[in-house]
Amino acid sequence: MTTISKQALRARRHNRIRSQVSGTAVRPRLAIHRSNRFVSAQVIDDVAGRTLAAAHGREFAGAQTLQAAAVGKAIAERAAKAGVTTVVFDRGGYSYAAQVKKLADAAREGGLAF
C-alpha cells in the first residue's frame, strides 16, 4: 500500500480547483497561499498574467489567524485601489477553515464580493 504525502494531496486539490477557477480582467482570482509562518493573498488577472494587488503576513504582527484577518483587510483595500470589487476565490487546495476563513471574511468585510 502506498501513502501519499499531505503536500501531494493538497497539490491534487489545488489542480482540481484551478481547472475550474480562472481570473479575468472583470473578475480576477483571489489566490491564497499558506506557509508554516505566514499567509499571503494575491488578486490575479490570469488572462493578462498580471498580479493586480498583493498582501503578505510579514507586513502584520500577531498570531497567524490575526495575520490572516489583516491580510484579508489589506487585500480588499489594495484591490479597491486597483478598481477591483468582485473576485473569484481560490483557496489553493487548503481547507476552508482557520486562516483561510478569517482571510475570506475580512476581505468580504473590506468590500470584496465573492
PDB file of N, CA and C in Angstrom:
ATOM      1  N   MET A   1       0.842  -1.179   0.000  1.00  0.00           N
ATOM      2  CA  MET A   1       0.000   0.000   0.000  1.00  0.00           C
ATOM      3  C   MET A   1       0.890   1.246   0.000  1.00  0.00           C
ATOM      4  N   THR A   2       0.619   2.173  -0.878  1.00  0.00           N
ATOM      5  CA  THR A   2       1.408   3.393  -0.942  1.00  0.00           C
ATOM      6  C   THR A   2       0.697   4.500  -0.178  1.00  0.00           C
ATOM      7  N   THR A   3       1.491   5.379   0.376  1.00  0.00           N
ATOM      8  CA  THR A   3       0.926   6.528   1.066  1.00  0.00           C
ATOM      9  C   THR A   3       1.273   7.779   0.272  1.00  0.00           C
ATOM     10  N   ILE A   4       0.366   8.709   0.295  1.00  0.00           N
ATOM     11  CA  ILE A   4       0.553   9.961  -0.425  1.00  0.00           C
ATOM     12  C   ILE A   4       0.735  11.066   0.605  1.00  0.00           C
ATOM     13  N   SER A   5       1.706  11.925   0.398  1.00  0.00           N
ATOM     14  CA  SER A   5       2.002  12.980   1.359  1.00  0.00           C
ATOM     15  C   SER A   5       0.901  14.041   1.365  1.00  0.00           C
ATOM     16  N   LYS A   6       0.864  14.799   2.453  1.00  0.00           N
ATOM     17  CA  LYS A   6      -0.100  15.889   2.565  1.00  0.00           C
ATOM     18  C   LYS A   6       0.099  16.906   1.440  1.00  0.00           C
ATOM     19  N   GLN A   7       1.356  17.169   1.107  1.00  0.00           N
ATOM     20  CA  GLN A   7       1.655  18.142   0.061  1.00  0.00           C
ATOM     21  C   GLN A   7       1.130  17.672  -1.289  1.00  0.00           C
ATOM     22  N   ALA A   8       1.277  16.384  -1.566  1.00  0.00           N
ATOM     23  CA  ALA A   8       0.792  15.845  -2.831  1.00  0.00           C
ATOM     24  C   ALA A   8      -0.728  15.890  -2.898  1.00  0.00           C
ATOM     25  N   LEU A   9      -1.387  15.600  -1.783  1.00  0.00           N
ATOM     26  CA  LEU A   9      -2.847  15.670  -1.754  1.00  0.00           C
ATOM     27  C   LEU A   9      -3.332  17.102  -1.953  1.00  0.00           C
ATOM     28  N   ARG A  10      -2.639  18.067  -1.302  1.00  0.00           N
ATOM     29  CA  ARG A  10      -3.021  19.470  -1.476  1.00  0.00           C
ATOM     30  C   ARG A  10      -2.804  19.900  -2.914  1.00  0.00           C
ATOM     31  N   ALA A  11      -1.712  19.457  -3.528  1.00  0.00           N
ATOM     32  CA  ALA A  11      -1.440  19.792  -4.928  1.00  0.00           C
ATOM     33  C   ALA A  11      -2.531  19.247  -5.838  1.00  0.00           C
ATOM     34  N   ARG A  12      -3.016  18.044  -5.551  1.00  0.00           N
ATOM     35  CA  ARG A  12      -4.121  17.484  -6.338  1.00  0.00           C
ATOM     36  C   ARG A  12      -5.379  18.331  -6.199  1.00  0.00           C
ATOM     37  N   ARG A  13      -5.706  18.702  -4.943  1.00  0.00           N
ATOM     38  CA  ARG A  13      -6.885  19.547  -4.723  1.00  0.00           C
ATOM     39  C   ARG A  13      -6.725  20.880  -5.432  1.00  0.00           C
ATOM     40  N   HIS A  14      -5.536  21.462  -5.331  1.00  0.00           N
ATOM     41  CA  HIS A  14      -5.283  22.758  -5.962  1.00  0.00           C
ATOM     42  C   HIS A  14      -5.440  22.667  -7.484  1.00  0.00           C
ATOM     43  N   ASN A  15      -4.902  21.621  -8.089  1.00  0.00           N
ATOM     44  CA  ASN A  15      -5.041  21.443  -9.536  1.00  0.00           C
ATOM     45  C   ASN A  15      -6.500  21.252  -9.937  1.00  0.00           C
ATOM     46  N   ARG A  16      -7.242  20.536  -9.129  1.00  0.00           N
ATOM     47  CA  ARG A  16      -8.660  20.323  -9.411  1.00  0.00           C
ATOM     48  C   ARG A  16      -9.429  21.656  -9.348  1.00  0.00           C
ATOM     49  N   ILE A  17      -9.113  22.463  -8.359  1.00  0.00           N
ATOM     50  CA  ILE A  17      -9.763  23.771  -8.223  1.00  0.00           C
ATOM     51  C   ILE A  17      -9.369  24.683  -9.380  1.00  0.00           C
ATOM     52  N   ARG A  18      -8.060  24.719  -9.702  1.00  0.00           N
ATOM     53  CA  ARG A  18      -7.569  25.618 -10.756  1.00  0.00           C
ATOM     54  C   ARG A  18      -8.072  25.242 -12.142  1.00  0.00           C
ATOM     55  N   SER A  19      -8.493  23.986 -12.328  1.00  0.00           N
ATOM     56  CA  SER A  19      -9.048  23.603 -13.625  1.00  0.00           C
ATOM     57  C   SER A  19     -10.409  24.256 -13.848  1.00  0.00           C
ATOM     58  N   GLN A  20     -11.052  24.696 -12.771  1.00  0.00           N
ATOM     59  CA  GLN A  20     -12.369  25.303 -12.875  1.00  0.00           C
ATOM     60  C   GLN A  20     -12.367  26.807 -12.601  1.00  0.00           C
ATOM     61  N   VAL A  21     -11.382  27.296 -11.858  1.00  0.00           N
ATOM     62  CA  VAL A  21     -11.344  28.698 -11.440  1.00  0.00           C
ATOM     63  C   VAL A  21     -10.274  29.433 -12.223  1.00  0.00           C
ATOM     64  N   SER A  22     -10.676  30.524 -12.880  1.00  0.00           N
ATOM     65  CA  SER A  22      -9.726  31.352 -13.610  1.00  0.00           C
ATOM     66  C   SER A  22     -10.137  32.811 -13.464  1.00  0.00           C
ATOM     67  N   GLY A  23      -9.160  33.688 -13.348  1.00  0.00           N
ATOM     68  CA  GLY A  23      -9.446  35.102 -13.184  1.00  0.00           C
ATOM     69  C   GLY A  23      -9.402  35.843 -14.505  1.00  0.00           C
ATOM     70  N   THR A  24     -10.277  36.819 -14.653  1.00  0.00           N
ATOM     71  CA  THR A  24     -10.304  37.672 -15.833  1.00  0.00           C
ATOM     72  C   THR A  24     -10.114  39.114 -15.391  1.00  0.00           C
ATOM     73  N   ALA A  25     -10.086  40.022 -16.346  1.00  0.00           N
ATOM     74  CA  ALA A  25      -9.925  41.433 -16.002  1.00  0.00           C
ATOM     75  C   ALA A  25     -11.150  41.933 -15.243  1.00  0.00           C
ATOM     76  N   VAL A  26     -12.324  41.425 -15.594  1.00  0.00           N
ATOM     77  CA  VAL A  26     -13.562  41.852 -14.934  1.00  0.00           C
ATOM     78  C   VAL A  26     -13.685  41.227 -13.546  1.00  0.00           C
ATOM     79  N   ARG A  27     -13.319  39.951 -13.445  1.00  0.00           N
ATOM     80  CA  ARG A  27     -13.429  39.227 -12.182  1.00  0.00           C
ATOM     81  C   ARG A  27     -12.151  38.431 -11.934  1.00  0.00           C
ATOM     82  N   PRO A  28     -11.119  39.078 -11.373  1.00  0.00           N
ATOM     83  CA  PRO A  28      -9.849  38.391 -11.145  1.00  0.00           C
ATOM     84  C   PRO A  28      -9.945  37.351 -10.030  1.00  0.00           C
ATOM     85  N   ARG A  29      -8.889  36.570  -9.900  1.00  0.00           N
ATOM     86  CA  ARG A  29      -8.834  35.473  -8.936  1.00  0.00           C
ATOM     87  C   ARG A  29      -8.121  35.928  -7.673  1.00  0.00           C
ATOM     88  N   LEU A  30      -8.737  35.677  -6.520  1.00  0.00           N
ATOM     89  CA  LEU A  30      -8.114  35.934  -5.227  1.00  0.00           C
ATOM     90  C   LEU A  30      -7.464  34.634  -4.775  1.00  0.00           C
ATOM     91  N   ALA A  31      -6.140  34.548  -4.911  1.00  0.00           N
ATOM     92  CA  ALA A  31      -5.396  33.333  -4.607  1.00  0.00           C
ATOM     93  C   ALA A  31      -4.777  33.435  -3.222  1.00  0.00           C
ATOM     94  N   ILE A  32      -4.911  32.363  -2.451  1.00  0.00           N
ATOM     95  CA  ILE A  32      -4.404  32.297  -1.087  1.00  0.00           C
ATOM     96  C   ILE A  32      -3.216  31.338  -1.040  1.00  0.00           C
ATOM     97  N   HIS A  33      -2.202  31.683  -0.266  1.00  0.00           N
ATOM     98  CA  HIS A  33      -1.098  30.755  -0.012  1.00  0.00           C
ATOM     99  C   HIS A  33      -0.770  30.792   1.469  1.00  0.00           C
ATOM    100  N   ARG A  34      -0.625  29.614   2.054  1.00  0.00           N
ATOM    101  CA  ARG A  34      -0.248  29.490   3.458  1.00  0.00           C
ATOM    102  C   ARG A  34       1.106  28.825   3.561  1.00  0.00           C
ATOM    103  N   SER A  35       1.898  29.290   4.507  1.00  0.00           N
ATOM    104  CA  SER A  35       3.129  28.590   4.852  1.00  0.00           C
ATOM    105  C   SER A  35       3.053  28.291   6.348  1.00  0.00           C
ATOM    106  N   ASN A  36       4.110  27.762   6.906  1.00  0.00           N
ATOM    107  CA  ASN A  36       4.101  27.473   8.340  1.00  0.00           C
ATOM    108  C   ASN A  36       4.047  28.736   9.183  1.00  0.00           C
ATOM    109  N   ARG A  37       4.550  29.844   8.646  1.00  0.00           N
ATOM    110  CA  ARG A  37       4.607  31.088   9.425  1.00  0.00           C
ATOM    111  C   ARG A  37       3.680  32.182   8.941  1.00  0.00           C
ATOM    112  N   PHE A  38       3.368  32.206   7.654  1.00  0.00           N
ATOM    113  CA  PHE A  38       2.650  33.339   7.097  1.00  0.00           C
ATOM    114  C   PHE A  38       1.521  32.890   6.181  1.00  0.00           C
ATOM    115  N   VAL A  39       0.646  33.844   5.889  1.00  0.00           N
ATOM    116  CA  VAL A  39      -0.388  33.643   4.889  1.00  0.00           C
ATOM    117  C   VAL A  39      -0.302  34.843   3.941  1.00  0.00           C
ATOM    118  N   SER A  40      -0.519  34.601   2.653  1.00  0.00           N
ATOM    119  CA  SER A  40      -0.465  35.690   1.689  1.00  0.00           C
ATOM    120  C   SER A  40      -1.623  35.567   0.721  1.00  0.00           C
ATOM    121  N   ALA A  41      -1.934  36.674   0.054  1.00  0.00           N
ATOM    122  CA  ALA A  41      -3.036  36.691  -0.901  1.00  0.00           C
ATOM    123  C   ALA A  41      -2.659  37.574  -2.084  1.00  0.00           C
ATOM    124  N   GLN A  42      -3.133  37.183  -3.259  1.00  0.00           N
ATOM    125  CA  GLN A  42      -2.920  37.965  -4.472  1.00  0.00           C
ATOM    126  C   GLN A  42      -4.219  38.030  -5.252  1.00  0.00           C
ATOM    127  N   VAL A  43      -4.446  39.156  -5.886  1.00  0.00           N
ATOM    128  CA  VAL A  43      -5.554  39.300  -6.832  1.00  0.00           C
ATOM    129  C   VAL A  43      -4.922  39.246  -8.212  1.00  0.00           C
ATOM    130  N   ILE A  44      -5.275  38.216  -8.998  1.00  0.00           N
ATOM    131  CA  ILE A  44      -4.571  37.903 -10.241  1.00  0.00           C
ATOM    132  C   ILE A  44      -5.522  37.914 -11.428  1.00  0.00           C
ATOM    133  N   ASP A  45      -5.098  38.589 -12.502  1.00  0.00           N
ATOM    134  CA  ASP A  45      -5.778  38.512 -13.799  1.00  0.00           C
ATOM    135  C   ASP A  45      -5.040  37.448 -14.604  1.00  0.00           C
ATOM    136  N   ASP A  46      -5.639  36.253 -14.711  1.00  0.00           N
ATOM    137  CA  ASP A  46      -4.964  35.139 -15.374  1.00  0.00           C
ATOM    138  C   ASP A  46      -4.881  35.323 -16.883  1.00  0.00           C
ATOM    139  N   VAL A  47      -5.815  36.043 -17.471  1.00  0.00           N
ATOM    140  CA  VAL A  47      -5.795  36.244 -18.922  1.00  0.00           C
ATOM    141  C   VAL A  47      -4.579  37.077 -19.316  1.00  0.00           C
ATOM    142  N   ALA A  48      -4.349  38.173 -18.595  1.00  0.00           N
ATOM    143  CA  ALA A  48      -3.209  39.034 -18.886  1.00  0.00           C
ATOM    144  C   ALA A  48      -1.936  38.560 -18.189  1.00  0.00           C
ATOM    145  N   GLY A  49      -2.069  37.678 -17.200  1.00  0.00           N
ATOM    146  CA  GLY A  49      -0.906  37.209 -16.463  1.00  0.00           C
ATOM    147  C   GLY A  49      -0.338  38.263 -15.542  1.00  0.00           C
ATOM    148  N   ARG A  50      -1.218  39.070 -14.929  1.00  0.00           N
ATOM    149  CA  ARG A  50      -0.780  40.169 -14.068  1.00  0.00           C
ATOM    150  C   ARG A  50      -1.321  40.012 -12.656  1.00  0.00           C
ATOM    151  N   THR A  51      -0.524  40.399 -11.677  1.00  0.00           N
ATOM    152  CA  THR A  51      -0.985  40.496 -10.297  1.00  0.00           C
ATOM    153  C   THR A  51      -1.440  41.931 -10.078  1.00  0.00           C
ATOM    154  N   LEU A  52      -2.707  42.105  -9.714  1.00  0.00           N
ATOM    155  CA  LEU A  52      -3.280  43.436  -9.549  1.00  0.00           C
ATOM    156  C   LEU A  52      -3.066  43.977  -8.137  1.00  0.00           C
ATOM    157  N   ALA A  53      -3.064  43.096  -7.153  1.00  0.00           N
ATOM    158  CA  ALA A  53      -2.861  43.507  -5.761  1.00  0.00           C
ATOM    159  C   ALA A  53      -2.307  42.313  -4.991  1.00  0.00           C
ATOM    160  N   ALA A  54      -1.542  42.606  -3.949  1.00  0.00           N
ATOM    161  CA  ALA A  54      -0.969  41.535  -3.130  1.00  0.00           C
ATOM    162  C   ALA A  54      -0.803  42.021  -1.698  1.00  0.00           C
ATOM    163  N   ALA A  55      -0.863  41.059  -0.764  1.00  0.00           N
ATOM    164  CA  ALA A  55      -0.615  41.338   0.657  1.00  0.00           C
ATOM    165  C   ALA A  55       0.015  40.098   1.271  1.00  0.00           C
ATOM    166  N   HIS A  56       0.888  40.317   2.250  1.00  0.00           N
ATOM    167  CA  HIS A  56       1.619  39.207   2.866  1.00  0.00           C
ATOM    168  C   HIS A  56       1.596  39.361   4.384  1.00  0.00           C
ATOM    169  N   GLY A  57       1.604  38.258   5.083  1.00  0.00           N
ATOM    170  CA  GLY A  57       1.562  38.249   6.538  1.00  0.00           C
ATOM    171  C   GLY A  57       2.766  38.867   7.208  1.00  0.00           C
ATOM    172  N   ARG A  58       3.897  38.970   6.493  1.00  0.00           N
ATOM    173  CA  ARG A  58       5.085  39.607   7.074  1.00  0.00           C
ATOM    174  C   ARG A  58       4.828  41.066   7.419  1.00  0.00           C
ATOM    175  N   GLU A  59       3.845  41.666   6.755  1.00  0.00           N
ATOM    176  CA  GLU A  59       3.557  43.081   6.984  1.00  0.00           C
ATOM    177  C   GLU A  59       2.835  43.322   8.306  1.00  0.00           C
ATOM    178  N   PHE A  60       2.336  42.260   8.925  1.00  0.00           N
ATOM    179  CA  PHE A  60       1.494  42.395  10.106  1.00  0.00           C
ATOM    180  C   PHE A  60       2.022  41.522  11.232  1.00  0.00           C
ATOM    181  N   ALA A  61       1.858  41.993  12.462  1.00  0.00           N
ATOM    182  CA  ALA A  61       2.314  41.239  13.632  1.00  0.00           C
ATOM    183  C   ALA A  61       1.151  40.444  14.208  1.00  0.00           C
ATOM    184  N   GLY A  62       1.493  39.481  15.022  1.00  0.00           N
ATOM    185  CA  GLY A  62       0.465  38.727  15.729  1.00  0.00           C
ATOM    186  C   GLY A  62       0.402  37.279  15.305  1.00  0.00           C
ATOM    187  N   ALA A  63      -0.566  36.581  15.876  1.00  0.00           N
ATOM    188  CA  ALA A  63      -0.771  35.171  15.567  1.00  0.00           C
ATOM    189  C   ALA A  63      -1.232  35.015  14.119  1.00  0.00           C
ATOM    190  N   GLN A  64      -1.181  33.787  13.626  1.00  0.00           N
ATOM    191  CA  GLN A  64      -1.478  33.550  12.216  1.00  0.00           C
ATOM    192  C   GLN A  64      -2.914  33.899  11.843  1.00  0.00           C
ATOM    193  N   THR A  65      -3.873  33.642  12.713  1.00  0.00           N
ATOM    194  CA  THR A  65      -5.250  33.995  12.377  1.00  0.00           C
ATOM    195  C   THR A  65      -5.425  35.512  12.365  1.00  0.00           C
ATOM    196  N   LEU A  66      -4.724  36.219  13.248  1.00  0.00           N
ATOM    197  CA  LEU A  66      -4.779  37.684  13.225  1.00  0.00           C
ATOM    198  C   LEU A  66      -4.095  38.221  11.973  1.00  0.00           C
ATOM    199  N   GLN A  67      -2.982  37.609  11.587  1.00  0.00           N
ATOM    200  CA  GLN A  67      -2.307  37.983  10.342  1.00  0.00           C
ATOM    201  C   GLN A  67      -3.236  37.772   9.155  1.00  0.00           C
ATOM    202  N   ALA A  68      -3.941  36.650   9.140  1.00  0.00           N
ATOM    203  CA  ALA A  68      -4.834  36.332   8.027  1.00  0.00           C
ATOM    204  C   ALA A  68      -5.942  37.367   7.910  1.00  0.00           C
ATOM    205  N   ALA A  69      -6.504  37.781   9.034  1.00  0.00           N
ATOM    206  CA  ALA A  69      -7.547  38.802   9.005  1.00  0.00           C
ATOM    207  C   ALA A  69      -6.991  40.130   8.496  1.00  0.00           C
ATOM    208  N   ALA A  70      -5.790  40.482   8.934  1.00  0.00           N
ATOM    209  CA  ALA A  70      -5.167  41.729   8.481  1.00  0.00           C
ATOM    210  C   ALA A  70      -4.841  41.662   6.991  1.00  0.00           C
ATOM    211  N   VAL A  71      -4.382  40.509   6.517  1.00  0.00           N
ATOM    212  CA  VAL A  71      -4.090  40.336   5.089  1.00  0.00           C
ATOM    213  C   VAL A  71      -5.380  40.460   4.280  1.00  0.00           C
ATOM    214  N   GLY A  72      -6.478  39.885   4.778  1.00  0.00           N
ATOM    215  CA  GLY A  72      -7.761  39.992   4.086  1.00  0.00           C
ATOM    216  C   GLY A  72      -8.231  41.428   3.970  1.00  0.00           C
ATOM    217  N   LYS A  73      -8.097  42.179   5.034  1.00  0.00           N
ATOM    218  CA  LYS A  73      -8.490  43.590   5.016  1.00  0.00           C
ATOM    219  C   LYS A  73      -7.601  44.379   4.061  1.00  0.00           C
ATOM    220  N   ALA A  74      -6.291  44.117   4.119  1.00  0.00           N
ATOM    221  CA  ALA A  74      -5.346  44.832   3.257  1.00  0.00           C
ATOM    222  C   ALA A  74      -5.570  44.504   1.787  1.00  0.00           C
ATOM    223  N   ILE A  75      -5.836  43.238   1.465  1.00  0.00           N
ATOM    224  CA  ILE A  75      -6.031  42.862   0.066  1.00  0.00           C
ATOM    225  C   ILE A  75      -7.307  43.496  -0.470  1.00  0.00           C
ATOM    226  N   ALA A  76      -8.321  43.640   0.373  1.00  0.00           N
ATOM    227  CA  ALA A  76      -9.558  44.298  -0.060  1.00  0.00           C
ATOM    228  C   ALA A  76      -9.307  45.769  -0.374  1.00  0.00           C
ATOM    229  N   GLU A  77      -8.533  46.442   0.475  1.00  0.00           N
ATOM    230  CA  GLU A  77      -8.215  47.856   0.246  1.00  0.00           C
ATOM    231  C   GLU A  77      -7.377  48.031  -1.024  1.00  0.00           C
ATOM    232  N   ARG A  78      -6.365  47.183  -1.194  1.00  0.00           N
ATOM    233  CA  ARG A  78      -5.485  47.301  -2.358  1.00  0.00           C
ATOM    234  C   ARG A  78      -6.207  46.931  -3.645  1.00  0.00           C
ATOM    235  N   ALA A  79      -7.123  45.974  -3.573  1.00  0.00           N
ATOM    236  CA  ALA A  79      -7.907  45.621  -4.757  1.00  0.00           C
ATOM    237  C   ALA A  79      -8.840  46.766  -5.128  1.00  0.00           C
ATOM    238  N   ALA A  80      -9.415  47.433  -4.136  1.00  0.00           N
ATOM    239  CA  ALA A  80     -10.286  48.576  -4.409  1.00  0.00           C
ATOM    240  C   ALA A  80      -9.502  49.700  -5.088  1.00  0.00           C
ATOM    241  N   LYS A  81      -8.254  49.915  -4.658  1.00  0.00           N
ATOM    242  CA  LYS A  81      -7.408  50.921  -5.308  1.00  0.00           C
ATOM    243  C   LYS A  81      -7.127  50.558  -6.755  1.00  0.00           C
ATOM    244  N   ALA A  82      -7.055  49.256  -7.039  1.00  0.00           N
ATOM    245  CA  ALA A  82      -6.810  48.783  -8.407  1.00  0.00           C
ATOM    246  C   ALA A  82      -8.096  48.730  -9.221  1.00  0.00           C
ATOM    247  N   GLY A  83      -9.232  49.064  -8.595  1.00  0.00           N
ATOM    248  CA  GLY A  83     -10.501  49.082  -9.305  1.00  0.00           C
ATOM    249  C   GLY A  83     -11.218  47.743  -9.344  1.00  0.00           C
ATOM    250  N   VAL A  84     -10.897  46.865  -8.414  1.00  0.00           N
ATOM    251  CA  VAL A  84     -11.498  45.527  -8.374  1.00  0.00           C
ATOM    252  C   VAL A  84     -12.477  45.460  -7.211  1.00  0.00           C
ATOM    253  N   THR A  85     -13.710  45.053  -7.479  1.00  0.00           N
ATOM    254  CA  THR A  85     -14.699  44.885  -6.426  1.00  0.00           C
ATOM    255  C   THR A  85     -15.213  43.456  -6.333  1.00  0.00           C
ATOM    256  N   THR A  86     -15.118  42.692  -7.416  1.00  0.00           N
ATOM    257  CA  THR A  86     -15.602  41.319  -7.449  1.00  0.00           C
ATOM    258  C   THR A  86     -14.467  40.391  -7.851  1.00  0.00           C
ATOM    259  N   VAL A  87     -14.312  39.287  -7.127  1.00  0.00           N
ATOM    260  CA  VAL A  87     -13.241  38.329  -7.398  1.00  0.00           C
ATOM    261  C   VAL A  87     -13.789  36.903  -7.381  1.00  0.00           C
ATOM    262  N   VAL A  88     -12.973  35.986  -7.899  1.00  0.00           N
ATOM    263  CA  VAL A  88     -13.222  34.557  -7.784  1.00  0.00           C
ATOM    264  C   VAL A  88     -12.272  34.047  -6.713  1.00  0.00           C
ATOM    265  N   PHE A  89     -12.788  33.313  -5.737  1.00  0.00           N
ATOM    266  CA  PHE A  89     -11.973  32.875  -4.605  1.00  0.00           C
ATOM    267  C   PHE A  89     -11.285  31.559  -4.918  1.00  0.00           C
ATOM    268  N   ASP A  90      -9.963  31.538  -4.761  1.00  0.00           N
ATOM    269  CA  ASP A  90      -9.149  30.334  -4.967  1.00  0.00           C
ATOM    270  C   ASP A  90      -8.456  30.026  -3.652  1.00  0.00           C
ATOM    271  N   ARG A  91      -8.937  29.012  -2.938  1.00  0.00           N
ATOM    272  CA  ARG A  91      -8.384  28.681  -1.626  1.00  0.00           C
ATOM    273  C   ARG A  91      -7.093  27.894  -1.726  1.00  0.00           C
ATOM    274  N   GLY A  92      -6.646  27.573  -2.919  1.00  0.00           N
ATOM    275  CA  GLY A  92      -5.349  26.953  -3.135  1.00  0.00           C
ATOM    276  C   GLY A  92      -5.232  25.523  -2.637  1.00  0.00           C
ATOM    277  N   GLY A  93      -6.339  24.817  -2.507  1.00  0.00           N
ATOM    278  CA  GLY A  93      -6.293  23.449  -2.035  1.00  0.00           C
ATOM    279  C   GLY A  93      -6.312  23.321  -0.531  1.00  0.00           C
ATOM    280  N   TYR A  94      -6.290  24.444   0.183  1.00  0.00           N
ATOM    281  CA  TYR A  94      -6.339  24.418   1.635  1.00  0.00           C
ATOM    282  C   TYR A  94      -7.794  24.295   2.076  1.00  0.00           C
ATOM    283  N   SER A  95      -8.028  23.700   3.244  1.00  0.00           N
ATOM    284  CA  SER A  95      -9.387  23.580   3.741  1.00  0.00           C
ATOM    285  C   SER A  95      -9.892  24.955   4.145  1.00  0.00           C
ATOM    286  N   TYR A  96     -11.179  25.154   3.963  1.00  0.00           N
ATOM    287  CA  TYR A  96     -11.788  26.444   4.275  1.00  0.00           C
ATOM    288  C   TYR A  96     -12.038  26.497   5.780  1.00  0.00           C
ATOM    289  N   ALA A  97     -10.999  26.768   6.529  1.00  0.00           N
ATOM    290  CA  ALA A  97     -11.070  26.840   7.989  1.00  0.00           C
ATOM    291  C   ALA A  97      -9.935  27.712   8.471  1.00  0.00           C
ATOM    292  N   ALA A  98     -10.004  28.138   9.698  1.00  0.00           N
ATOM    293  CA  ALA A  98      -8.968  28.901  10.383  1.00  0.00           C
ATOM    294  C   ALA A  98      -8.481  30.089   9.562  1.00  0.00           C
ATOM    295  N   GLN A  99      -7.245  30.038   9.072  1.00  0.00           N
ATOM    296  CA  GLN A  99      -6.646  31.188   8.393  1.00  0.00           C
ATOM    297  C   GLN A  99      -7.377  31.539   7.105  1.00  0.00           C
ATOM    298  N   VAL A 100      -7.725  30.547   6.313  1.00  0.00           N
ATOM    299  CA  VAL A 100      -8.379  30.812   5.030  1.00  0.00           C
ATOM    300  C   VAL A 100      -9.736  31.468   5.271  1.00  0.00           C
ATOM    301  N   LYS A 101     -10.488  30.980   6.244  1.00  0.00           N
ATOM    302  CA  LYS A 101     -11.797  31.540   6.554  1.00  0.00           C
ATOM    303  C   LYS A 101     -11.671  32.965   7.086  1.00  0.00           C
ATOM    304  N   LYS A 102     -10.724  33.196   7.984  1.00  0.00           N
ATOM    305  CA  LYS A 102     -10.513  34.548   8.527  1.00  0.00           C
ATOM    306  C   LYS A 102     -10.149  35.534   7.414  1.00  0.00           C
ATOM    307  N   LEU A 103      -9.269  35.110   6.525  1.00  0.00           N
ATOM    308  CA  LEU A 103      -8.866  35.971   5.418  1.00  0.00           C
ATOM    309  C   LEU A 103     -10.061  36.279   4.514  1.00  0.00           C
ATOM    310  N   ALA A 104     -10.841  35.270   4.184  1.00  0.00           N
ATOM    311  CA  ALA A 104     -12.004  35.463   3.311  1.00  0.00           C
ATOM    312  C   ALA A 104     -13.039  36.373   3.961  1.00  0.00           C
ATOM    313  N   ASP A 105     -13.324  36.170   5.237  1.00  0.00           N
ATOM    314  CA  ASP A 105     -14.295  37.010   5.934  1.00  0.00           C
ATOM    315  C   ASP A 105     -13.834  38.461   6.001  1.00  0.00           C
ATOM    316  N   ALA A 106     -12.549  38.671   6.278  1.00  0.00           N
ATOM    317  CA  ALA A 106     -12.016  40.032   6.348  1.00  0.00           C
ATOM    318  C   ALA A 106     -12.045  40.703   4.982  1.00  0.00           C
ATOM    319  N   ALA A 107     -11.779  39.945   3.924  1.00  0.00           N
ATOM    320  CA  ALA A 107     -11.829  40.510   2.574  1.00  0.00           C
ATOM    321  C   ALA A 107     -13.258  40.901   2.215  1.00  0.00           C
ATOM    322  N   ARG A 108     -14.226  40.071   2.607  1.00  0.00           N
ATOM    323  CA  ARG A 108     -15.634  40.410   2.361  1.00  0.00           C
ATOM    324  C   ARG A 108     -16.034  41.664   3.122  1.00  0.00           C
ATOM    325  N   GLU A 109     -15.613  41.753   4.399  1.00  0.00           N
ATOM    326  CA  GLU A 109     -15.906  42.953   5.190  1.00  0.00           C
ATOM    327  C   GLU A 109     -15.250  44.189   4.597  1.00  0.00           C
ATOM    328  N   GLY A 110     -14.100  44.003   3.958  1.00  0.00           N
ATOM    329  CA  GLY A 110     -13.380  45.114   3.345  1.00  0.00           C
ATOM    330  C   GLY A 110     -13.992  45.582   2.034  1.00  0.00           C
ATOM    331  N   GLY A 111     -14.948  44.836   1.486  1.00  0.00           N
ATOM    332  CA  GLY A 111     -15.631  45.290   0.297  1.00  0.00           C
ATOM    333  C   GLY A 111     -15.512  44.385  -0.923  1.00  0.00           C
ATOM    334  N   LEU A 112     -14.728  43.311  -0.837  1.00  0.00           N
ATOM    335  CA  LEU A 112     -14.637  42.390  -1.965  1.00  0.00           C
ATOM    336  C   LEU A 112     -15.850  41.470  -1.988  1.00  0.00           C
ATOM    337  N   ALA A 113     -16.382  41.227  -3.166  1.00  0.00           N
ATOM    338  CA  ALA A 113     -17.529  40.333  -3.318  1.00  0.00           C
ATOM    339  C   ALA A 113     -17.082  39.059  -3.991  1.00  0.00           C
ATOM    340  N   PHE A 114     -17.387  37.919  -3.361  1.00  0.00           N
ATOM    341  CA  PHE A 114     -17.137  36.604  -3.955  1.00  0.00           C
ATOM    342  C   PHE A 114     -18.007  35.574  -3.296  1.00  0.00           C
TER     343      PHE A 114
END
